[in-house]
Amino acid sequence: MVFRTVIAQAKKHPGLIPQFFFICLGMGGAALYLLRLAKGPHVIWNKTKNPEPWNKLDPTYQYKFVAISTDYKNLKKEGPEF
């Protein structure tokens, strides 16, 4: 129903087509980023399988999306082994 309204508006006002395109592109990008966040190593979906998954990560694992000044290859693990 909403899709029909969008198509009807696009036929009446063709200048809205780029706006619809970029809105859909932004919503798709936001959905993919939320999916990426939900699959991260710090998120627990099943506590019985692995209750503390962050303890098994390598110290050189890049936690941030973009790390400009940190060289993760030269980091050493601080703390005890679990």
PDB file of N, CA and C in Angstrom:
ATOM      1  N   MET A   1       0.815  -1.183   0.000  1.00  0.00           N
ATOM      2  CA  MET A   1       0.000   0.000   0.000  1.00  0.00           C
ATOM      3  C   MET A   1       0.863   1.254   0.000  1.00  0.00           C
ATOM      4  N   VAL A   2       1.874   1.264   0.841  1.00  0.00           N
ATOM      5  CA  VAL A   2       2.772   2.418   0.884  1.00  0.00           C
ATOM      6  C   VAL A   2       3.575   2.493  -0.414  1.00  0.00           C
ATOM      7  N   PHE A   3       3.916   1.333  -0.937  1.00  0.00           N
ATOM      8  CA  PHE A   3       4.700   1.297  -2.170  1.00  0.00           C
ATOM      9  C   PHE A   3       3.914   1.894  -3.333  1.00  0.00           C
ATOM     10  N   ARG A   4       2.613   1.615  -3.377  1.00  0.00           N
ATOM     11  CA  ARG A   4       1.771   2.199  -4.427  1.00  0.00           C
ATOM     12  C   ARG A   4       1.715   3.719  -4.314  1.00  0.00           C
ATOM     13  N   THR A   5       1.654   4.213  -3.086  1.00  0.00           N
ATOM     14  CA  THR A   5       1.622   5.661  -2.864  1.00  0.00           C
ATOM     15  C   THR A   5       2.924   6.302  -3.319  1.00  0.00           C
ATOM     16  N   VAL A   6       4.031   5.660  -3.037  1.00  0.00           N
ATOM     17  CA  VAL A   6       5.334   6.181  -3.457  1.00  0.00           C
ATOM     18  C   VAL A   6       5.417   6.225  -4.985  1.00  0.00           C
ATOM     19  N   ILE A   7       4.961   5.167  -5.630  1.00  0.00           N
ATOM     20  CA  ILE A   7       5.007   5.138  -7.101  1.00  0.00           C
ATOM     21  C   ILE A   7       4.074   6.205  -7.691  1.00  0.00           C
ATOM     22  N   ALA A   8       2.901   6.368  -7.081  1.00  0.00           N
ATOM     23  CA  ALA A   8       1.967   7.391  -7.580  1.00  0.00           C
ATOM     24  C   ALA A   8       2.562   8.789  -7.433  1.00  0.00           C
ATOM     25  N   GLN A   9       3.217   9.049  -6.304  1.00  0.00           N
ATOM     26  CA  GLN A   9       3.845  10.357  -6.094  1.00  0.00           C
ATOM     27  C   GLN A   9       5.021  10.561  -7.048  1.00  0.00           C
ATOM     28  N   ALA A  10       5.757   9.492  -7.309  1.00  0.00           N
ATOM     29  CA  ALA A  10       6.900   9.601  -8.228  1.00  0.00           C
ATOM     30  C   ALA A  10       6.430   9.882  -9.655  1.00  0.00           C
ATOM     31  N   LYS A  11       5.268   9.332 -10.037  1.00  0.00           N
ATOM     32  CA  LYS A  11       4.741   9.607 -11.376  1.00  0.00           C
ATOM     33  C   LYS A  11       4.254  11.046 -11.500  1.00  0.00           C
ATOM     34  N   LYS A  12       3.657  11.558 -10.413  1.00  0.00           N
ATOM     35  CA  LYS A  12       3.162  12.937 -10.436  1.00  0.00           C
ATOM     36  C   LYS A  12       4.303  13.951 -10.340  1.00  0.00           C
ATOM     37  N   HIS A  13       5.301  13.619  -9.516  1.00  0.00           N
ATOM     38  CA  HIS A  13       6.423  14.534  -9.274  1.00  0.00           C
ATOM     39  C   HIS A  13       7.740  13.780  -9.491  1.00  0.00           C
ATOM     40  N   PRO A  14       8.270  13.771 -10.705  1.00  0.00           N
ATOM     41  CA  PRO A  14       9.486  12.994 -10.986  1.00  0.00           C
ATOM     42  C   PRO A  14      10.713  13.506 -10.240  1.00  0.00           C
ATOM     43  N   GLY A  15      10.666  14.722  -9.731  1.00  0.00           N
ATOM     44  CA  GLY A  15      11.806  15.236  -8.969  1.00  0.00           C
ATOM     45  C   GLY A  15      11.982  14.546  -7.625  1.00  0.00           C
ATOM     46  N   LEU A  16      10.982  13.785  -7.191  1.00  0.00           N
ATOM     47  CA  LEU A  16      11.082  13.067  -5.915  1.00  0.00           C
ATOM     48  C   LEU A  16      11.818  11.739  -6.034  1.00  0.00           C
ATOM     49  N   ILE A  17      12.049  11.279  -7.249  1.00  0.00           N
ATOM     50  CA  ILE A  17      12.692   9.974  -7.448  1.00  0.00           C
ATOM     51  C   ILE A  17      14.075   9.915  -6.811  1.00  0.00           C
ATOM     52  N   PRO A  18      14.959  10.923  -6.973  1.00  0.00           N
ATOM     53  CA  PRO A  18      16.250  10.845  -6.281  1.00  0.00           C
ATOM     54  C   PRO A  18      16.111  10.842  -4.758  1.00  0.00           C
ATOM     55  N   GLN A  19      15.110  11.559  -4.252  1.00  0.00           N
ATOM     56  CA  GLN A  19      14.908  11.578  -2.810  1.00  0.00           C
ATOM     57  C   GLN A  19      14.499  10.194  -2.312  1.00  0.00           C
ATOM     58  N   PHE A  20      13.590   9.534  -3.015  1.00  0.00           N
ATOM     59  CA  PHE A  20      13.200   8.185  -2.638  1.00  0.00           C
ATOM     60  C   PHE A  20      14.386   7.233  -2.710  1.00  0.00           C
ATOM     61  N   PHE A  21      15.210   7.399  -3.730  1.00  0.00           N
ATOM     62  CA  PHE A  21      16.383   6.534  -3.892  1.00  0.00           C
ATOM     63  C   PHE A  21      17.344   6.685  -2.713  1.00  0.00           C
ATOM     64  N   PHE A  22      17.662   7.925  -2.344  1.00  0.00           N
ATOM     65  CA  PHE A  22      18.634   8.128  -1.281  1.00  0.00           C
ATOM     66  C   PHE A  22      18.071   7.779   0.094  1.00  0.00           C
ATOM     67  N   ILE A  23      16.779   7.941   0.280  1.00  0.00           N
ATOM     68  CA  ILE A  23      16.169   7.506   1.541  1.00  0.00           C
ATOM     69  C   ILE A  23      16.264   5.983   1.667  1.00  0.00           C
ATOM     70  N   CYS A  24      15.960   5.276   0.588  1.00  0.00           N
ATOM     71  CA  CYS A  24      16.064   3.806   0.612  1.00  0.00           C
ATOM     72  C   CYS A  24      17.510   3.355   0.791  1.00  0.00           C
ATOM     73  N   LEU A  25      18.422   4.062   0.149  1.00  0.00           N
ATOM     74  CA  LEU A  25      19.844   3.732   0.301  1.00  0.00           C
ATOM     75  C   LEU A  25      20.302   3.929   1.746  1.00  0.00           C
ATOM     76  N   GLY A  26      19.889   5.011   2.366  1.00  0.00           N
ATOM     77  CA  GLY A  26      20.253   5.263   3.758  1.00  0.00           C
ATOM     78  C   GLY A  26      19.650   4.257   4.716  1.00  0.00           C
ATOM     79  N   MET A  27      18.408   3.898   4.482  1.00  0.00           N
ATOM     80  CA  MET A  27      17.770   2.902   5.343  1.00  0.00           C
ATOM     81  C   MET A  27      18.425   1.529   5.182  1.00  0.00           C
ATOM     82  N   GLY A  28      18.802   1.184   3.962  1.00  0.00           N
ATOM     83  CA  GLY A  28      19.491  -0.084   3.738  1.00  0.00           C
ATOM     84  C   GLY A  28      20.866  -0.112   4.394  1.00  0.00           C
ATOM     85  N   GLY A  29      21.594   0.995   4.296  1.00  0.00           N
ATOM     86  CA  GLY A  29      22.907   1.073   4.948  1.00  0.00           C
ATOM     87  C   GLY A  29      22.795   0.990   6.457  1.00  0.00           C
ATOM     88  N   ALA A  30      21.789   1.647   7.025  1.00  0.00           N
ATOM     89  CA  ALA A  30      21.585   1.586   8.473  1.00  0.00           C
ATOM     90  C   ALA A  30      21.236   0.168   8.914  1.00  0.00           C
ATOM     91  N   ALA A  31      20.420  -0.520   8.135  1.00  0.00           N
ATOM     92  CA  ALA A  31      20.056  -1.892   8.471  1.00  0.00           C
ATOM     93  C   ALA A  31      21.275  -2.817   8.411  1.00  0.00           C
ATOM     94  N   LEU A  32      22.113  -2.646   7.401  1.00  0.00           N
ATOM     95  CA  LEU A  32      23.320  -3.477   7.304  1.00  0.00           C
ATOM     96  C   LEU A  32      24.288  -3.193   8.443  1.00  0.00           C
ATOM     97  N   TYR A  33      24.403  -1.928   8.860  1.00  0.00           N
ATOM     98  CA  TYR A  33      25.293  -1.595   9.973  1.00  0.00           C
ATOM     99  C   TYR A  33      24.759  -2.178  11.278  1.00  0.00           C
ATOM    100  N   LEU A  34      23.453  -2.145  11.492  1.00  0.00           N
ATOM    101  CA  LEU A  34      22.882  -2.752  12.695  1.00  0.00           C
ATOM    102  C   LEU A  34      23.081  -4.265  12.687  1.00  0.00           C
ATOM    103  N   LEU A  35      22.991  -4.874  11.527  1.00  0.00           N
ATOM    104  CA  LEU A  35      23.260  -6.306  11.424  1.00  0.00           C
ATOM    105  C   LEU A  35      24.717  -6.609  11.761  1.00  0.00           C
ATOM    106  N   ARG A  36      25.622  -5.745  11.311  1.00  0.00           N
ATOM    107  CA  ARG A  36      27.041  -5.917  11.623  1.00  0.00           C
ATOM    108  C   ARG A  36      27.280  -5.783  13.122  1.00  0.00           C
ATOM    109  N   LEU A  37      26.618  -4.827  13.763  1.00  0.00           N
ATOM    110  CA  LEU A  37      26.762  -4.661  15.204  1.00  0.00           C
ATOM    111  C   LEU A  37      26.193  -5.850  15.969  1.00  0.00           C
ATOM    112  N   ALA A  38      25.100  -6.412  15.490  1.00  0.00           N
ATOM    113  CA  ALA A  38      24.471  -7.539  16.172  1.00  0.00           C
ATOM    114  C   ALA A  38      25.307  -8.802  16.082  1.00  0.00           C
ATOM    115  N   LYS A  39      26.175  -8.900  15.087  1.00  0.00           N
ATOM    116  CA  LYS A  39      27.016 -10.090  14.914  1.00  0.00           C
ATOM    117  C   LYS A  39      28.388  -9.923  15.550  1.00  0.00           C
ATOM    118  N   GLY A  40      28.623  -8.838  16.276  1.00  0.00           N
ATOM    119  CA  GLY A  40      29.934  -8.557  16.854  1.00  0.00           C
ATOM    120  C   GLY A  40      30.323  -9.543  17.946  1.00  0.00           C
ATOM    121  N   PRO A  41      31.601  -9.555  18.329  1.00  0.00           N
ATOM    122  CA  PRO A  41      32.081 -10.508  19.332  1.00  0.00           C
ATOM    123  C   PRO A  41      31.624 -10.174  20.748  1.00  0.00           C
ATOM    124  N   HIS A  42      31.159  -8.972  20.984  1.00  0.00           N
ATOM    125  CA  HIS A  42      30.761  -8.563  22.324  1.00  0.00           C
ATOM    126  C   HIS A  42      29.269  -8.766  22.578  1.00  0.00           C
ATOM    127  N   VAL A  43      28.551  -9.315  21.618  1.00  0.00           N
ATOM    128  CA  VAL A  43      27.116  -9.547  21.747  1.00  0.00           C
ATOM    129  C   VAL A  43      26.874 -11.022  22.016  1.00  0.00           C
ATOM    130  N   ILE A  44      26.049 -11.326  23.012  1.00  0.00           N
ATOM    131  CA  ILE A  44      25.736 -12.705  23.366  1.00  0.00           C
ATOM    132  C   ILE A  44      24.288 -12.977  23.006  1.00  0.00           C
ATOM    133  N   TRP A  45      24.045 -13.912  22.088  1.00  0.00           N
ATOM    134  CA  TRP A  45      22.689 -14.317  21.738  1.00  0.00           C
ATOM    135  C   TRP A  45      22.334 -15.624  22.439  1.00  0.00           C
ATOM    136  N   ASN A  46      23.324 -16.464  22.722  1.00  0.00           N
ATOM    137  CA  ASN A  46      23.090 -17.762  23.352  1.00  0.00           C
ATOM    138  C   ASN A  46      24.066 -17.904  24.508  1.00  0.00           C
ATOM    139  N   LYS A  47      23.595 -17.713  25.735  1.00  0.00           N
ATOM    140  CA  LYS A  47      24.488 -17.747  26.901  1.00  0.00           C
ATOM    141  C   LYS A  47      24.913 -19.162  27.276  1.00  0.00           C
ATOM    142  N   THR A  48      24.178 -20.160  26.861  1.00  0.00           N
ATOM    143  CA  THR A  48      24.546 -21.520  27.230  1.00  0.00           C
ATOM    144  C   THR A  48      25.706 -22.037  26.385  1.00  0.00           C
ATOM    145  N   LYS A  49      25.819 -21.569  25.165  1.00  0.00           N
ATOM    146  CA  LYS A  49      26.879 -22.050  24.270  1.00  0.00           C
ATOM    147  C   LYS A  49      28.237 -21.479  24.654  1.00  0.00           C
ATOM    148  N   ASN A  50      28.322 -20.173  24.817  1.00  0.00           N
ATOM    149  CA  ASN A  50      29.582 -19.512  25.138  1.00  0.00           C
ATOM    150  C   ASN A  50      29.258 -18.270  25.970  1.00  0.00           C
ATOM    151  N   PRO A  51      29.267 -18.374  27.311  1.00  0.00           N
ATOM    152  CA  PRO A  51      28.815 -17.252  28.131  1.00  0.00           C
ATOM    153  C   PRO A  51      29.732 -16.024  28.097  1.00  0.00           C
ATOM    154  N   GLU A  52      30.989 -16.192  27.818  1.00  0.00           N
ATOM    155  CA  GLU A  52      31.927 -15.063  27.788  1.00  0.00           C
ATOM    156  C   GLU A  52      32.793 -15.127  26.530  1.00  0.00           C
ATOM    157  N   PRO A  53      32.250 -14.758  25.381  1.00  0.00           N
ATOM    158  CA  PRO A  53      33.016 -14.884  24.133  1.00  0.00           C
ATOM    159  C   PRO A  53      34.159 -13.888  24.017  1.00  0.00           C
ATOM    160  N   TRP A  54      34.111 -12.803  24.760  1.00  0.00           N
ATOM    161  CA  TRP A  54      35.160 -11.790  24.662  1.00  0.00           C
ATOM    162  C   TRP A  54      36.476 -12.265  25.259  1.00  0.00           C
ATOM    163  N   ASN A  55      36.451 -13.327  26.088  1.00  0.00           N
ATOM    164  CA  ASN A  55      37.695 -13.852  26.641  1.00  0.00           C
ATOM    165  C   ASN A  55      38.497 -14.648  25.617  1.00  0.00           C
ATOM    166  N   LYS A  56      37.876 -15.075  24.539  1.00  0.00           N
ATOM    167  CA  LYS A  56      38.558 -15.880  23.534  1.00  0.00           C
ATOM    168  C   LYS A  56      39.104 -15.051  22.375  1.00  0.00           C
ATOM    169  N   LEU A  57      38.968 -13.735  22.448  1.00  0.00           N
ATOM    170  CA  LEU A  57      39.446 -12.890  21.357  1.00  0.00           C
ATOM    171  C   LEU A  57      40.952 -12.692  21.445  1.00  0.00           C
ATOM    172  N   ASP A  58      41.558 -12.614  20.313  1.00  0.00           N
ATOM    173  CA  ASP A  58      42.985 -12.362  20.218  1.00  0.00           C
ATOM    174  C   ASP A  58      43.272 -10.905  20.605  1.00  0.00           C
ATOM    175  N   PRO A  59      44.395 -10.618  21.284  1.00  0.00           N
ATOM    176  CA  PRO A  59      44.683  -9.225  21.641  1.00  0.00           C
ATOM    177  C   PRO A  59      44.911  -8.325  20.435  1.00  0.00           C
ATOM    178  N   THR A  60      45.166  -8.916  19.284  1.00  0.00           N
ATOM    179  CA  THR A  60      45.370  -8.096  18.091  1.00  0.00           C
ATOM    180  C   THR A  60      44.071  -7.880  17.325  1.00  0.00           C
ATOM    181  N   TYR A  61      42.929  -8.333  17.874  1.00  0.00           N
ATOM    182  CA  TYR A  61      41.639  -8.156  17.206  1.00  0.00           C
ATOM    183  C   TYR A  61      41.265  -6.671  17.196  1.00  0.00           C
ATOM    184  N   GLN A  62      40.867  -6.168  16.063  1.00  0.00           N
ATOM    185  CA  GLN A  62      40.503  -4.750  15.942  1.00  0.00           C
ATOM    186  C   GLN A  62      39.055  -4.575  16.364  1.00  0.00           C
ATOM    187  N   TYR A  63      38.836  -3.954  17.526  1.00  0.00           N
ATOM    188  CA  TYR A  63      37.496  -3.783  18.063  1.00  0.00           C
ATOM    189  C   TYR A  63      36.756  -2.640  17.381  1.00  0.00           C
ATOM    190  N   LYS A  64      37.459  -1.597  17.036  1.00  0.00           N
ATOM    191  CA  LYS A  64      36.824  -0.421  16.447  1.00  0.00           C
ATOM    192  C   LYS A  64      36.590  -0.637  14.958  1.00  0.00           C
ATOM    193  N   PHE A  65      35.601   0.088  14.440  1.00  0.00           N
ATOM    194  CA  PHE A  65      35.308   0.020  13.009  1.00  0.00           C
ATOM    195  C   PHE A  65      36.482   0.573  12.206  1.00  0.00           C
ATOM    196  N   VAL A  66      37.028   1.707  12.663  1.00  0.00           N
ATOM    197  CA  VAL A  66      38.198   2.313  12.036  1.00  0.00           C
ATOM    198  C   VAL A  66      39.160   2.714  13.152  1.00  0.00           C
ATOM    199  N   ALA A  67      40.365   2.221  13.116  1.00  0.00           N
ATOM    200  CA  ALA A  67      41.383   2.582  14.090  1.00  0.00           C
ATOM    201  C   ALA A  67      42.518   3.283  13.343  1.00  0.00           C
ATOM    202  N   ILE A  68      42.631   4.570  13.538  1.00  0.00           N
ATOM    203  CA  ILE A  68      43.600   5.346  12.767  1.00  0.00           C
ATOM    204  C   ILE A  68      44.991   5.286  13.377  1.00  0.00           C
ATOM    205  N   SER A  69      45.090   5.467  14.690  1.00  0.00           N
ATOM    206  CA  SER A  69      46.415   5.583  15.299  1.00  0.00           C
ATOM    207  C   SER A  69      46.866   4.330  16.045  1.00  0.00           C
ATOM    208  N   THR A  70      46.038   3.294  16.110  1.00  0.00           N
ATOM    209  CA  THR A  70      46.397   2.097  16.859  1.00  0.00           C
ATOM    210  C   THR A  70      46.871   1.004  15.917  1.00  0.00           C
ATOM    211  N   ASP A  71      48.049   0.451  16.227  1.00  0.00           N
ATOM    212  CA  ASP A  71      48.566  -0.671  15.455  1.00  0.00           C
ATOM    213  C   ASP A  71      48.291  -1.939  16.259  1.00  0.00           C
ATOM    214  N   TYR A  72      47.285  -2.696  15.868  1.00  0.00           N
ATOM    215  CA  TYR A  72      46.855  -3.859  16.627  1.00  0.00           C
ATOM    216  C   TYR A  72      47.810  -5.044  16.496  1.00  0.00           C
ATOM    217  N   LYS A  73      48.706  -5.001  15.548  1.00  0.00           N
ATOM    218  CA  LYS A  73      49.628  -6.128  15.373  1.00  0.00           C
ATOM    219  C   LYS A  73      50.699  -6.152  16.452  1.00  0.00           C
ATOM    220  N   ASN A  74      51.024  -4.994  17.021  1.00  0.00           N
ATOM    221  CA  ASN A  74      52.100  -4.928  18.006  1.00  0.00           C
ATOM    222  C   ASN A  74      51.596  -4.919  19.447  1.00  0.00           C
ATOM    223  N   LEU A  75      50.317  -5.091  19.674  1.00  0.00           N
ATOM    224  CA  LEU A  75      49.780  -5.089  21.026  1.00  0.00           C
ATOM    225  C   LEU A  75      50.091  -6.401  21.729  1.00  0.00           C
ATOM    226  N   LYS A  76      50.297  -6.311  23.022  1.00  0.00           N
ATOM    227  CA  LYS A  76      50.489  -7.490  23.848  1.00  0.00           C
ATOM    228  C   LYS A  76      49.305  -7.635  24.779  1.00  0.00           C
ATOM    229  N   LYS A  77      48.956  -8.861  25.090  1.00  0.00           N
ATOM    230  CA  LYS A  77      47.810  -9.096  25.950  1.00  0.00           C
ATOM    231  C   LYS A  77      48.173  -8.764  27.376  1.00  0.00           C
ATOM    232  N   GLU A  78      47.304  -7.971  28.016  1.00  0.00           N
ATOM    233  CA  GLU A  78      47.506  -7.628  29.416  1.00  0.00           C
ATOM    234  C   GLU A  78      46.518  -8.424  30.242  1.00  0.00           C
ATOM    235  N   GLY A  79      46.986  -9.037  31.305  1.00  0.00           N
ATOM    236  CA  GLY A  79      46.087  -9.775  32.178  1.00  0.00           C
ATOM    237  C   GLY A  79      46.319 -11.273  32.074  1.00  0.00           C
ATOM    238  N   PRO A  80      45.654 -12.004  32.921  1.00  0.00           N
ATOM    239  CA  PRO A  80      45.837 -13.461  32.959  1.00  0.00           C
ATOM    240  C   PRO A  80      45.128 -14.166  31.816  1.00  0.00           C
ATOM    241  N   GLU A  81      45.544 -15.390  31.572  1.00  0.00           N
ATOM    242  CA  GLU A  81      44.899 -16.239  30.582  1.00  0.00           C
ATOM    243  C   GLU A  81      43.700 -16.913  31.222  1.00  0.00           C
ATOM    244  N   PHE A  82      42.563 -16.933  30.548  1.00  0.00           N
ATOM    245  CA  PHE A  82      41.374 -17.591  31.063  1.00  0.00           C
ATOM    246  C   PHE A  82      41.109 -18.843  30.286  1.00  0.00           C
TER     247      PHE A  82
END
